[in-house]
């Protein structure tokens, strides 16, 4: 999160091994 912007997801890892990343 940066000032003036809402919190955004950067990356996530599930217990099953899946991952997801923000395009940026």
PDBML (XML) file of the C-alpha atoms, coordinates in Angstrom:
<?xml version="1.0" encoding="UTF-8" ?>
<PDBx:datablock datablockName="MODEL"
   xmlns:PDBx="http://pdbml.pdb.org/schema/pdbx-v50.xsd"
   xmlns:xsi="http://www.w3.org/2001/XMLSchema-instance"
   xsi:schemaLocation="http://pdbml.pdb.org/schema/pdbx-v50.xsd pdbx-v50.xsd">
   <PDBx:atom_siteCategory>
      <PDBx:atom_site id="1">
         <PDBx:B_iso_or_equiv>0.00</PDBx:B_iso_or_equiv>
         <PDBx:Cartn_x>0.000</PDBx:Cartn_x>
         <PDBx:Cartn_y>0.000</PDBx:Cartn_y>
         <PDBx:Cartn_z>0.000</PDBx:Cartn_z>
         <PDBx:auth_asym_id>A</PDBx:auth_asym_id>
         <PDBx:auth_atom_id>CA</PDBx:auth_atom_id>
         <PDBx:auth_comp_id>UNK</PDBx:auth_comp_id>
         <PDBx:auth_seq_id>1</PDBx:auth_seq_id>
         <PDBx:group_PDB>ATOM</PDBx:group_PDB>
         <PDBx:label_alt_id xsi:nil="true" />
         <PDBx:label_asym_id>A</PDBx:label_asym_id>
         <PDBx:label_atom_id>CA</PDBx:label_atom_id>
         <PDBx:label_comp_id>UNK</PDBx:label_comp_id>
         <PDBx:label_entity_id>1</PDBx:label_entity_id>
         <PDBx:label_seq_id>1</PDBx:label_seq_id>
         <PDBx:occupancy>1.00</PDBx:occupancy>
         <PDBx:pdbx_PDB_model_num>1</PDBx:pdbx_PDB_model_num>
         <PDBx:type_symbol>C</PDBx:type_symbol>
      </PDBx:atom_site>
      <PDBx:atom_site id="2">
         <PDBx:B_iso_or_equiv>0.00</PDBx:B_iso_or_equiv>
         <PDBx:Cartn_x>1.128</PDBx:Cartn_x>
         <PDBx:Cartn_y>3.520</PDBx:Cartn_y>
         <PDBx:Cartn_z>-0.871</PDBx:Cartn_z>
         <PDBx:auth_asym_id>A</PDBx:auth_asym_id>
         <PDBx:auth_atom_id>CA</PDBx:auth_atom_id>
         <PDBx:auth_comp_id>UNK</PDBx:auth_comp_id>
         <PDBx:auth_seq_id>2</PDBx:auth_seq_id>
         <PDBx:group_PDB>ATOM</PDBx:group_PDB>
         <PDBx:label_alt_id xsi:nil="true" />
         <PDBx:label_asym_id>A</PDBx:label_asym_id>
         <PDBx:label_atom_id>CA</PDBx:label_atom_id>
         <PDBx:label_comp_id>UNK</PDBx:label_comp_id>
         <PDBx:label_entity_id>1</PDBx:label_entity_id>
         <PDBx:label_seq_id>2</PDBx:label_seq_id>
         <PDBx:occupancy>1.00</PDBx:occupancy>
         <PDBx:pdbx_PDB_model_num>1</PDBx:pdbx_PDB_model_num>
         <PDBx:type_symbol>C</PDBx:type_symbol>
      </PDBx:atom_site>
      <PDBx:atom_site id="3">
         <PDBx:B_iso_or_equiv>0.00</PDBx:B_iso_or_equiv>
         <PDBx:Cartn_x>-0.442</PDBx:Cartn_x>
         <PDBx:Cartn_y>6.801</PDBx:Cartn_y>
         <PDBx:Cartn_z>0.284</PDBx:Cartn_z>
         <PDBx:auth_asym_id>A</PDBx:auth_asym_id>
         <PDBx:auth_atom_id>CA</PDBx:auth_atom_id>
         <PDBx:auth_comp_id>UNK</PDBx:auth_comp_id>
         <PDBx:auth_seq_id>3</PDBx:auth_seq_id>
         <PDBx:group_PDB>ATOM</PDBx:group_PDB>
         <PDBx:label_alt_id xsi:nil="true" />
         <PDBx:label_asym_id>A</PDBx:label_asym_id>
         <PDBx:label_atom_id>CA</PDBx:label_atom_id>
         <PDBx:label_comp_id>UNK</PDBx:label_comp_id>
         <PDBx:label_entity_id>1</PDBx:label_entity_id>
         <PDBx:label_seq_id>3</PDBx:label_seq_id>
         <PDBx:occupancy>1.00</PDBx:occupancy>
         <PDBx:pdbx_PDB_model_num>1</PDBx:pdbx_PDB_model_num>
         <PDBx:type_symbol>C</PDBx:type_symbol>
      </PDBx:atom_site>
      <PDBx:atom_site id="4">
         <PDBx:B_iso_or_equiv>0.00</PDBx:B_iso_or_equiv>
         <PDBx:Cartn_x>-3.623</PDBx:Cartn_x>
         <PDBx:Cartn_y>7.577</PDBx:Cartn_y>
         <PDBx:Cartn_z>-1.615</PDBx:Cartn_z>
         <PDBx:auth_asym_id>A</PDBx:auth_asym_id>
         <PDBx:auth_atom_id>CA</PDBx:auth_atom_id>
         <PDBx:auth_comp_id>UNK</PDBx:auth_comp_id>
         <PDBx:auth_seq_id>4</PDBx:auth_seq_id>
         <PDBx:group_PDB>ATOM</PDBx:group_PDB>
         <PDBx:label_alt_id xsi:nil="true" />
         <PDBx:label_asym_id>A</PDBx:label_asym_id>
         <PDBx:label_atom_id>CA</PDBx:label_atom_id>
         <PDBx:label_comp_id>UNK</PDBx:label_comp_id>
         <PDBx:label_entity_id>1</PDBx:label_entity_id>
         <PDBx:label_seq_id>4</PDBx:label_seq_id>
         <PDBx:occupancy>1.00</PDBx:occupancy>
         <PDBx:pdbx_PDB_model_num>1</PDBx:pdbx_PDB_model_num>
         <PDBx:type_symbol>C</PDBx:type_symbol>
      </PDBx:atom_site>
      <PDBx:atom_site id="5">
         <PDBx:B_iso_or_equiv>0.00</PDBx:B_iso_or_equiv>
         <PDBx:Cartn_x>-4.013</PDBx:Cartn_x>
         <PDBx:Cartn_y>4.065</PDBx:Cartn_y>
         <PDBx:Cartn_z>-2.983</PDBx:Cartn_z>
         <PDBx:auth_asym_id>A</PDBx:auth_asym_id>
         <PDBx:auth_atom_id>CA</PDBx:auth_atom_id>
         <PDBx:auth_comp_id>UNK</PDBx:auth_comp_id>
         <PDBx:auth_seq_id>5</PDBx:auth_seq_id>
         <PDBx:group_PDB>ATOM</PDBx:group_PDB>
         <PDBx:label_alt_id xsi:nil="true" />
         <PDBx:label_asym_id>A</PDBx:label_asym_id>
         <PDBx:label_atom_id>CA</PDBx:label_atom_id>
         <PDBx:label_comp_id>UNK</PDBx:label_comp_id>
         <PDBx:label_entity_id>1</PDBx:label_entity_id>
         <PDBx:label_seq_id>5</PDBx:label_seq_id>
         <PDBx:occupancy>1.00</PDBx:occupancy>
         <PDBx:pdbx_PDB_model_num>1</PDBx:pdbx_PDB_model_num>
         <PDBx:type_symbol>C</PDBx:type_symbol>
      </PDBx:atom_site>
      <PDBx:atom_site id="6">
         <PDBx:B_iso_or_equiv>0.00</PDBx:B_iso_or_equiv>
         <PDBx:Cartn_x>-5.868</PDBx:Cartn_x>
         <PDBx:Cartn_y>1.068</PDBx:Cartn_y>
         <PDBx:Cartn_z>-1.640</PDBx:Cartn_z>
         <PDBx:auth_asym_id>A</PDBx:auth_asym_id>
         <PDBx:auth_atom_id>CA</PDBx:auth_atom_id>
         <PDBx:auth_comp_id>UNK</PDBx:auth_comp_id>
         <PDBx:auth_seq_id>6</PDBx:auth_seq_id>
         <PDBx:group_PDB>ATOM</PDBx:group_PDB>
         <PDBx:label_alt_id xsi:nil="true" />
         <PDBx:label_asym_id>A</PDBx:label_asym_id>
         <PDBx:label_atom_id>CA</PDBx:label_atom_id>
         <PDBx:label_comp_id>UNK</PDBx:label_comp_id>
         <PDBx:label_entity_id>1</PDBx:label_entity_id>
         <PDBx:label_seq_id>6</PDBx:label_seq_id>
         <PDBx:occupancy>1.00</PDBx:occupancy>
         <PDBx:pdbx_PDB_model_num>1</PDBx:pdbx_PDB_model_num>
         <PDBx:type_symbol>C</PDBx:type_symbol>
      </PDBx:atom_site>
      <PDBx:atom_site id="7">
         <PDBx:B_iso_or_equiv>0.00</PDBx:B_iso_or_equiv>
         <PDBx:Cartn_x>-3.990</PDBx:Cartn_x>
         <PDBx:Cartn_y>-2.010</PDBx:Cartn_y>
         <PDBx:Cartn_z>-0.568</PDBx:Cartn_z>
         <PDBx:auth_asym_id>A</PDBx:auth_asym_id>
         <PDBx:auth_atom_id>CA</PDBx:auth_atom_id>
         <PDBx:auth_comp_id>UNK</PDBx:auth_comp_id>
         <PDBx:auth_seq_id>7</PDBx:auth_seq_id>
         <PDBx:group_PDB>ATOM</PDBx:group_PDB>
         <PDBx:label_alt_id xsi:nil="true" />
         <PDBx:label_asym_id>A</PDBx:label_asym_id>
         <PDBx:label_atom_id>CA</PDBx:label_atom_id>
         <PDBx:label_comp_id>UNK</PDBx:label_comp_id>
         <PDBx:label_entity_id>1</PDBx:label_entity_id>
         <PDBx:label_seq_id>7</PDBx:label_seq_id>
         <PDBx:occupancy>1.00</PDBx:occupancy>
         <PDBx:pdbx_PDB_model_num>1</PDBx:pdbx_PDB_model_num>
         <PDBx:type_symbol>C</PDBx:type_symbol>
      </PDBx:atom_site>
      <PDBx:atom_site id="8">
         <PDBx:B_iso_or_equiv>0.00</PDBx:B_iso_or_equiv>
         <PDBx:Cartn_x>-3.251</PDBx:Cartn_x>
         <PDBx:Cartn_y>-4.340</PDBx:Cartn_y>
         <PDBx:Cartn_z>-3.475</PDBx:Cartn_z>
         <PDBx:auth_asym_id>A</PDBx:auth_asym_id>
         <PDBx:auth_atom_id>CA</PDBx:auth_atom_id>
         <PDBx:auth_comp_id>UNK</PDBx:auth_comp_id>
         <PDBx:auth_seq_id>8</PDBx:auth_seq_id>
         <PDBx:group_PDB>ATOM</PDBx:group_PDB>
         <PDBx:label_alt_id xsi:nil="true" />
         <PDBx:label_asym_id>A</PDBx:label_asym_id>
         <PDBx:label_atom_id>CA</PDBx:label_atom_id>
         <PDBx:label_comp_id>UNK</PDBx:label_comp_id>
         <PDBx:label_entity_id>1</PDBx:label_entity_id>
         <PDBx:label_seq_id>8</PDBx:label_seq_id>
         <PDBx:occupancy>1.00</PDBx:occupancy>
         <PDBx:pdbx_PDB_model_num>1</PDBx:pdbx_PDB_model_num>
         <PDBx:type_symbol>C</PDBx:type_symbol>
      </PDBx:atom_site>
      <PDBx:atom_site id="9">
         <PDBx:B_iso_or_equiv>0.00</PDBx:B_iso_or_equiv>
         <PDBx:Cartn_x>-2.363</PDBx:Cartn_x>
         <PDBx:Cartn_y>-7.997</PDBx:Cartn_y>
         <PDBx:Cartn_z>-3.620</PDBx:Cartn_z>
         <PDBx:auth_asym_id>A</PDBx:auth_asym_id>
         <PDBx:auth_atom_id>CA</PDBx:auth_atom_id>
         <PDBx:auth_comp_id>UNK</PDBx:auth_comp_id>
         <PDBx:auth_seq_id>9</PDBx:auth_seq_id>
         <PDBx:group_PDB>ATOM</PDBx:group_PDB>
         <PDBx:label_alt_id xsi:nil="true" />
         <PDBx:label_asym_id>A</PDBx:label_asym_id>
         <PDBx:label_atom_id>CA</PDBx:label_atom_id>
         <PDBx:label_comp_id>UNK</PDBx:label_comp_id>
         <PDBx:label_entity_id>1</PDBx:label_entity_id>
         <PDBx:label_seq_id>9</PDBx:label_seq_id>
         <PDBx:occupancy>1.00</PDBx:occupancy>
         <PDBx:pdbx_PDB_model_num>1</PDBx:pdbx_PDB_model_num>
         <PDBx:type_symbol>C</PDBx:type_symbol>
      </PDBx:atom_site>
      <PDBx:atom_site id="10">
         <PDBx:B_iso_or_equiv>0.00</PDBx:B_iso_or_equiv>
         <PDBx:Cartn_x>1.229</PDBx:Cartn_x>
         <PDBx:Cartn_y>-8.603</PDBx:Cartn_y>
         <PDBx:Cartn_z>-4.679</PDBx:Cartn_z>
         <PDBx:auth_asym_id>A</PDBx:auth_asym_id>
         <PDBx:auth_atom_id>CA</PDBx:auth_atom_id>
         <PDBx:auth_comp_id>UNK</PDBx:auth_comp_id>
         <PDBx:auth_seq_id>10</PDBx:auth_seq_id>
         <PDBx:group_PDB>ATOM</PDBx:group_PDB>
         <PDBx:label_alt_id xsi:nil="true" />
         <PDBx:label_asym_id>A</PDBx:label_asym_id>
         <PDBx:label_atom_id>CA</PDBx:label_atom_id>
         <PDBx:label_comp_id>UNK</PDBx:label_comp_id>
         <PDBx:label_entity_id>1</PDBx:label_entity_id>
         <PDBx:label_seq_id>10</PDBx:label_seq_id>
         <PDBx:occupancy>1.00</PDBx:occupancy>
         <PDBx:pdbx_PDB_model_num>1</PDBx:pdbx_PDB_model_num>
         <PDBx:type_symbol>C</PDBx:type_symbol>
      </PDBx:atom_site>
      <PDBx:atom_site id="11">
         <PDBx:B_iso_or_equiv>0.00</PDBx:B_iso_or_equiv>
         <PDBx:Cartn_x>1.573</PDBx:Cartn_x>
         <PDBx:Cartn_y>-12.370</PDBx:Cartn_y>
         <PDBx:Cartn_z>-4.420</PDBx:Cartn_z>
         <PDBx:auth_asym_id>A</PDBx:auth_asym_id>
         <PDBx:auth_atom_id>CA</PDBx:auth_atom_id>
         <PDBx:auth_comp_id>UNK</PDBx:auth_comp_id>
         <PDBx:auth_seq_id>11</PDBx:auth_seq_id>
         <PDBx:group_PDB>ATOM</PDBx:group_PDB>
         <PDBx:label_alt_id xsi:nil="true" />
         <PDBx:label_asym_id>A</PDBx:label_asym_id>
         <PDBx:label_atom_id>CA</PDBx:label_atom_id>
         <PDBx:label_comp_id>UNK</PDBx:label_comp_id>
         <PDBx:label_entity_id>1</PDBx:label_entity_id>
         <PDBx:label_seq_id>11</PDBx:label_seq_id>
         <PDBx:occupancy>1.00</PDBx:occupancy>
         <PDBx:pdbx_PDB_model_num>1</PDBx:pdbx_PDB_model_num>
         <PDBx:type_symbol>C</PDBx:type_symbol>
      </PDBx:atom_site>
      <PDBx:atom_site id="12">
         <PDBx:B_iso_or_equiv>0.00</PDBx:B_iso_or_equiv>
         <PDBx:Cartn_x>-0.121</PDBx:Cartn_x>
         <PDBx:Cartn_y>-15.302</PDBx:Cartn_y>
         <PDBx:Cartn_z>-2.724</PDBx:Cartn_z>
         <PDBx:auth_asym_id>A</PDBx:auth_asym_id>
         <PDBx:auth_atom_id>CA</PDBx:auth_atom_id>
         <PDBx:auth_comp_id>UNK</PDBx:auth_comp_id>
         <PDBx:auth_seq_id>12</PDBx:auth_seq_id>
         <PDBx:group_PDB>ATOM</PDBx:group_PDB>
         <PDBx:label_alt_id xsi:nil="true" />
         <PDBx:label_asym_id>A</PDBx:label_asym_id>
         <PDBx:label_atom_id>CA</PDBx:label_atom_id>
         <PDBx:label_comp_id>UNK</PDBx:label_comp_id>
         <PDBx:label_entity_id>1</PDBx:label_entity_id>
         <PDBx:label_seq_id>12</PDBx:label_seq_id>
         <PDBx:occupancy>1.00</PDBx:occupancy>
         <PDBx:pdbx_PDB_model_num>1</PDBx:pdbx_PDB_model_num>
         <PDBx:type_symbol>C</PDBx:type_symbol>
      </PDBx:atom_site>
      <PDBx:atom_site id="13">
         <PDBx:B_iso_or_equiv>0.00</PDBx:B_iso_or_equiv>
         <PDBx:Cartn_x>0.835</PDBx:Cartn_x>
         <PDBx:Cartn_y>-18.912</PDBx:Cartn_y>
         <PDBx:Cartn_z>-2.073</PDBx:Cartn_z>
         <PDBx:auth_asym_id>A</PDBx:auth_asym_id>
         <PDBx:auth_atom_id>CA</PDBx:auth_atom_id>
         <PDBx:auth_comp_id>UNK</PDBx:auth_comp_id>
         <PDBx:auth_seq_id>13</PDBx:auth_seq_id>
         <PDBx:group_PDB>ATOM</PDBx:group_PDB>
         <PDBx:label_alt_id xsi:nil="true" />
         <PDBx:label_asym_id>A</PDBx:label_asym_id>
         <PDBx:label_atom_id>CA</PDBx:label_atom_id>
         <PDBx:label_comp_id>UNK</PDBx:label_comp_id>
         <PDBx:label_entity_id>1</PDBx:label_entity_id>
         <PDBx:label_seq_id>13</PDBx:label_seq_id>
         <PDBx:occupancy>1.00</PDBx:occupancy>
         <PDBx:pdbx_PDB_model_num>1</PDBx:pdbx_PDB_model_num>
         <PDBx:type_symbol>C</PDBx:type_symbol>
      </PDBx:atom_site>
      <PDBx:atom_site id="14">
         <PDBx:B_iso_or_equiv>0.00</PDBx:B_iso_or_equiv>
         <PDBx:Cartn_x>-1.772</PDBx:Cartn_x>
         <PDBx:Cartn_y>-21.494</PDBx:Cartn_y>
         <PDBx:Cartn_z>-1.104</PDBx:Cartn_z>
         <PDBx:auth_asym_id>A</PDBx:auth_asym_id>
         <PDBx:auth_atom_id>CA</PDBx:auth_atom_id>
         <PDBx:auth_comp_id>UNK</PDBx:auth_comp_id>
         <PDBx:auth_seq_id>14</PDBx:auth_seq_id>
         <PDBx:group_PDB>ATOM</PDBx:group_PDB>
         <PDBx:label_alt_id xsi:nil="true" />
         <PDBx:label_asym_id>A</PDBx:label_asym_id>
         <PDBx:label_atom_id>CA</PDBx:label_atom_id>
         <PDBx:label_comp_id>UNK</PDBx:label_comp_id>
         <PDBx:label_entity_id>1</PDBx:label_entity_id>
         <PDBx:label_seq_id>14</PDBx:label_seq_id>
         <PDBx:occupancy>1.00</PDBx:occupancy>
         <PDBx:pdbx_PDB_model_num>1</PDBx:pdbx_PDB_model_num>
         <PDBx:type_symbol>C</PDBx:type_symbol>
      </PDBx:atom_site>
      <PDBx:atom_site id="15">
         <PDBx:B_iso_or_equiv>0.00</PDBx:B_iso_or_equiv>
         <PDBx:Cartn_x>-1.239</PDBx:Cartn_x>
         <PDBx:Cartn_y>-24.515</PDBx:Cartn_y>
         <PDBx:Cartn_z>1.101</PDBx:Cartn_z>
         <PDBx:auth_asym_id>A</PDBx:auth_asym_id>
         <PDBx:auth_atom_id>CA</PDBx:auth_atom_id>
         <PDBx:auth_comp_id>UNK</PDBx:auth_comp_id>
         <PDBx:auth_seq_id>15</PDBx:auth_seq_id>
         <PDBx:group_PDB>ATOM</PDBx:group_PDB>
         <PDBx:label_alt_id xsi:nil="true" />
         <PDBx:label_asym_id>A</PDBx:label_asym_id>
         <PDBx:label_atom_id>CA</PDBx:label_atom_id>
         <PDBx:label_comp_id>UNK</PDBx:label_comp_id>
         <PDBx:label_entity_id>1</PDBx:label_entity_id>
         <PDBx:label_seq_id>15</PDBx:label_seq_id>
         <PDBx:occupancy>1.00</PDBx:occupancy>
         <PDBx:pdbx_PDB_model_num>1</PDBx:pdbx_PDB_model_num>
         <PDBx:type_symbol>C</PDBx:type_symbol>
      </PDBx:atom_site>
      <PDBx:atom_site id="16">
         <PDBx:B_iso_or_equiv>0.00</PDBx:B_iso_or_equiv>
         <PDBx:Cartn_x>-1.654</PDBx:Cartn_x>
         <PDBx:Cartn_y>-26.648</PDBx:Cartn_y>
         <PDBx:Cartn_z>-2.011</PDBx:Cartn_z>
         <PDBx:auth_asym_id>A</PDBx:auth_asym_id>
         <PDBx:auth_atom_id>CA</PDBx:auth_atom_id>
         <PDBx:auth_comp_id>UNK</PDBx:auth_comp_id>
         <PDBx:auth_seq_id>16</PDBx:auth_seq_id>
         <PDBx:group_PDB>ATOM</PDBx:group_PDB>
         <PDBx:label_alt_id xsi:nil="true" />
         <PDBx:label_asym_id>A</PDBx:label_asym_id>
         <PDBx:label_atom_id>CA</PDBx:label_atom_id>
         <PDBx:label_comp_id>UNK</PDBx:label_comp_id>
         <PDBx:label_entity_id>1</PDBx:label_entity_id>
         <PDBx:label_seq_id>16</PDBx:label_seq_id>
         <PDBx:occupancy>1.00</PDBx:occupancy>
         <PDBx:pdbx_PDB_model_num>1</PDBx:pdbx_PDB_model_num>
         <PDBx:type_symbol>C</PDBx:type_symbol>
      </PDBx:atom_site>
      <PDBx:atom_site id="17">
         <PDBx:B_iso_or_equiv>0.00</PDBx:B_iso_or_equiv>
         <PDBx:Cartn_x>1.240</PDBx:Cartn_x>
         <PDBx:Cartn_y>-24.992</PDBx:Cartn_y>
         <PDBx:Cartn_z>-3.811</PDBx:Cartn_z>
         <PDBx:auth_asym_id>A</PDBx:auth_asym_id>
         <PDBx:auth_atom_id>CA</PDBx:auth_atom_id>
         <PDBx:auth_comp_id>UNK</PDBx:auth_comp_id>
         <PDBx:auth_seq_id>17</PDBx:auth_seq_id>
         <PDBx:group_PDB>ATOM</PDBx:group_PDB>
         <PDBx:label_alt_id xsi:nil="true" />
         <PDBx:label_asym_id>A</PDBx:label_asym_id>
         <PDBx:label_atom_id>CA</PDBx:label_atom_id>
         <PDBx:label_comp_id>UNK</PDBx:label_comp_id>
         <PDBx:label_entity_id>1</PDBx:label_entity_id>
         <PDBx:label_seq_id>17</PDBx:label_seq_id>
         <PDBx:occupancy>1.00</PDBx:occupancy>
         <PDBx:pdbx_PDB_model_num>1</PDBx:pdbx_PDB_model_num>
         <PDBx:type_symbol>C</PDBx:type_symbol>
      </PDBx:atom_site>
      <PDBx:atom_site id="18">
         <PDBx:B_iso_or_equiv>0.00</PDBx:B_iso_or_equiv>
         <PDBx:Cartn_x>-0.587</PDBx:Cartn_x>
         <PDBx:Cartn_y>-22.631</PDBx:Cartn_y>
         <PDBx:Cartn_z>-6.163</PDBx:Cartn_z>
         <PDBx:auth_asym_id>A</PDBx:auth_asym_id>
         <PDBx:auth_atom_id>CA</PDBx:auth_atom_id>
         <PDBx:auth_comp_id>UNK</PDBx:auth_comp_id>
         <PDBx:auth_seq_id>18</PDBx:auth_seq_id>
         <PDBx:group_PDB>ATOM</PDBx:group_PDB>
         <PDBx:label_alt_id xsi:nil="true" />
         <PDBx:label_asym_id>A</PDBx:label_asym_id>
         <PDBx:label_atom_id>CA</PDBx:label_atom_id>
         <PDBx:label_comp_id>UNK</PDBx:label_comp_id>
         <PDBx:label_entity_id>1</PDBx:label_entity_id>
         <PDBx:label_seq_id>18</PDBx:label_seq_id>
         <PDBx:occupancy>1.00</PDBx:occupancy>
         <PDBx:pdbx_PDB_model_num>1</PDBx:pdbx_PDB_model_num>
         <PDBx:type_symbol>C</PDBx:type_symbol>
      </PDBx:atom_site>
      <PDBx:atom_site id="19">
         <PDBx:B_iso_or_equiv>0.00</PDBx:B_iso_or_equiv>
         <PDBx:Cartn_x>0.767</PDBx:Cartn_x>
         <PDBx:Cartn_y>-19.118</PDBx:Cartn_y>
         <PDBx:Cartn_z>-6.633</PDBx:Cartn_z>
         <PDBx:auth_asym_id>A</PDBx:auth_asym_id>
         <PDBx:auth_atom_id>CA</PDBx:auth_atom_id>
         <PDBx:auth_comp_id>UNK</PDBx:auth_comp_id>
         <PDBx:auth_seq_id>19</PDBx:auth_seq_id>
         <PDBx:group_PDB>ATOM</PDBx:group_PDB>
         <PDBx:label_alt_id xsi:nil="true" />
         <PDBx:label_asym_id>A</PDBx:label_asym_id>
         <PDBx:label_atom_id>CA</PDBx:label_atom_id>
         <PDBx:label_comp_id>UNK</PDBx:label_comp_id>
         <PDBx:label_entity_id>1</PDBx:label_entity_id>
         <PDBx:label_seq_id>19</PDBx:label_seq_id>
         <PDBx:occupancy>1.00</PDBx:occupancy>
         <PDBx:pdbx_PDB_model_num>1</PDBx:pdbx_PDB_model_num>
         <PDBx:type_symbol>C</PDBx:type_symbol>
      </PDBx:atom_site>
      <PDBx:atom_site id="20">
         <PDBx:B_iso_or_equiv>0.00</PDBx:B_iso_or_equiv>
         <PDBx:Cartn_x>-0.569</PDBx:Cartn_x>
         <PDBx:Cartn_y>-15.869</PDBx:Cartn_y>
         <PDBx:Cartn_z>-8.041</PDBx:Cartn_z>
         <PDBx:auth_asym_id>A</PDBx:auth_asym_id>
         <PDBx:auth_atom_id>CA</PDBx:auth_atom_id>
         <PDBx:auth_comp_id>UNK</PDBx:auth_comp_id>
         <PDBx:auth_seq_id>20</PDBx:auth_seq_id>
         <PDBx:group_PDB>ATOM</PDBx:group_PDB>
         <PDBx:label_alt_id xsi:nil="true" />
         <PDBx:label_asym_id>A</PDBx:label_asym_id>
         <PDBx:label_atom_id>CA</PDBx:label_atom_id>
         <PDBx:label_comp_id>UNK</PDBx:label_comp_id>
         <PDBx:label_entity_id>1</PDBx:label_entity_id>
         <PDBx:label_seq_id>20</PDBx:label_seq_id>
         <PDBx:occupancy>1.00</PDBx:occupancy>
         <PDBx:pdbx_PDB_model_num>1</PDBx:pdbx_PDB_model_num>
         <PDBx:type_symbol>C</PDBx:type_symbol>
      </PDBx:atom_site>
      <PDBx:atom_site id="21">
         <PDBx:B_iso_or_equiv>0.00</PDBx:B_iso_or_equiv>
         <PDBx:Cartn_x>1.185</PDBx:Cartn_x>
         <PDBx:Cartn_y>-12.599</PDBx:Cartn_y>
         <PDBx:Cartn_z>-8.836</PDBx:Cartn_z>
         <PDBx:auth_asym_id>A</PDBx:auth_asym_id>
         <PDBx:auth_atom_id>CA</PDBx:auth_atom_id>
         <PDBx:auth_comp_id>UNK</PDBx:auth_comp_id>
         <PDBx:auth_seq_id>21</PDBx:auth_seq_id>
         <PDBx:group_PDB>ATOM</PDBx:group_PDB>
         <PDBx:label_alt_id xsi:nil="true" />
         <PDBx:label_asym_id>A</PDBx:label_asym_id>
         <PDBx:label_atom_id>CA</PDBx:label_atom_id>
         <PDBx:label_comp_id>UNK</PDBx:label_comp_id>
         <PDBx:label_entity_id>1</PDBx:label_entity_id>
         <PDBx:label_seq_id>21</PDBx:label_seq_id>
         <PDBx:occupancy>1.00</PDBx:occupancy>
         <PDBx:pdbx_PDB_model_num>1</PDBx:pdbx_PDB_model_num>
         <PDBx:type_symbol>C</PDBx:type_symbol>
      </PDBx:atom_site>
      <PDBx:atom_site id="22">
         <PDBx:B_iso_or_equiv>0.00</PDBx:B_iso_or_equiv>
         <PDBx:Cartn_x>0.074</PDBx:Cartn_x>
         <PDBx:Cartn_y>-9.108</PDBx:Cartn_y>
         <PDBx:Cartn_z>-9.682</PDBx:Cartn_z>
         <PDBx:auth_asym_id>A</PDBx:auth_asym_id>
         <PDBx:auth_atom_id>CA</PDBx:auth_atom_id>
         <PDBx:auth_comp_id>UNK</PDBx:auth_comp_id>
         <PDBx:auth_seq_id>22</PDBx:auth_seq_id>
         <PDBx:group_PDB>ATOM</PDBx:group_PDB>
         <PDBx:label_alt_id xsi:nil="true" />
         <PDBx:label_asym_id>A</PDBx:label_asym_id>
         <PDBx:label_atom_id>CA</PDBx:label_atom_id>
         <PDBx:label_comp_id>UNK</PDBx:label_comp_id>
         <PDBx:label_entity_id>1</PDBx:label_entity_id>
         <PDBx:label_seq_id>22</PDBx:label_seq_id>
         <PDBx:occupancy>1.00</PDBx:occupancy>
         <PDBx:pdbx_PDB_model_num>1</PDBx:pdbx_PDB_model_num>
         <PDBx:type_symbol>C</PDBx:type_symbol>
      </PDBx:atom_site>
      <PDBx:atom_site id="23">
         <PDBx:B_iso_or_equiv>0.00</PDBx:B_iso_or_equiv>
         <PDBx:Cartn_x>0.815</PDBx:Cartn_x>
         <PDBx:Cartn_y>-8.300</PDBx:Cartn_y>
         <PDBx:Cartn_z>-13.313</PDBx:Cartn_z>
         <PDBx:auth_asym_id>A</PDBx:auth_asym_id>
         <PDBx:auth_atom_id>CA</PDBx:auth_atom_id>
         <PDBx:auth_comp_id>UNK</PDBx:auth_comp_id>
         <PDBx:auth_seq_id>23</PDBx:auth_seq_id>
         <PDBx:group_PDB>ATOM</PDBx:group_PDB>
         <PDBx:label_alt_id xsi:nil="true" />
         <PDBx:label_asym_id>A</PDBx:label_asym_id>
         <PDBx:label_atom_id>CA</PDBx:label_atom_id>
         <PDBx:label_comp_id>UNK</PDBx:label_comp_id>
         <PDBx:label_entity_id>1</PDBx:label_entity_id>
         <PDBx:label_seq_id>23</PDBx:label_seq_id>
         <PDBx:occupancy>1.00</PDBx:occupancy>
         <PDBx:pdbx_PDB_model_num>1</PDBx:pdbx_PDB_model_num>
         <PDBx:type_symbol>C</PDBx:type_symbol>
      </PDBx:atom_site>
      <PDBx:atom_site id="24">
         <PDBx:B_iso_or_equiv>0.00</PDBx:B_iso_or_equiv>
         <PDBx:Cartn_x>3.123</PDBx:Cartn_x>
         <PDBx:Cartn_y>-5.491</PDBx:Cartn_y>
         <PDBx:Cartn_z>-12.260</PDBx:Cartn_z>
         <PDBx:auth_asym_id>A</PDBx:auth_asym_id>
         <PDBx:auth_atom_id>CA</PDBx:auth_atom_id>
         <PDBx:auth_comp_id>UNK</PDBx:auth_comp_id>
         <PDBx:auth_seq_id>24</PDBx:auth_seq_id>
         <PDBx:group_PDB>ATOM</PDBx:group_PDB>
         <PDBx:label_alt_id xsi:nil="true" />
         <PDBx:label_asym_id>A</PDBx:label_asym_id>
         <PDBx:label_atom_id>CA</PDBx:label_atom_id>
         <PDBx:label_comp_id>UNK</PDBx:label_comp_id>
         <PDBx:label_entity_id>1</PDBx:label_entity_id>
         <PDBx:label_seq_id>24</PDBx:label_seq_id>
         <PDBx:occupancy>1.00</PDBx:occupancy>
         <PDBx:pdbx_PDB_model_num>1</PDBx:pdbx_PDB_model_num>
         <PDBx:type_symbol>C</PDBx:type_symbol>
      </PDBx:atom_site>
   </PDBx:atom_siteCategory>
</PDBx:datablock>
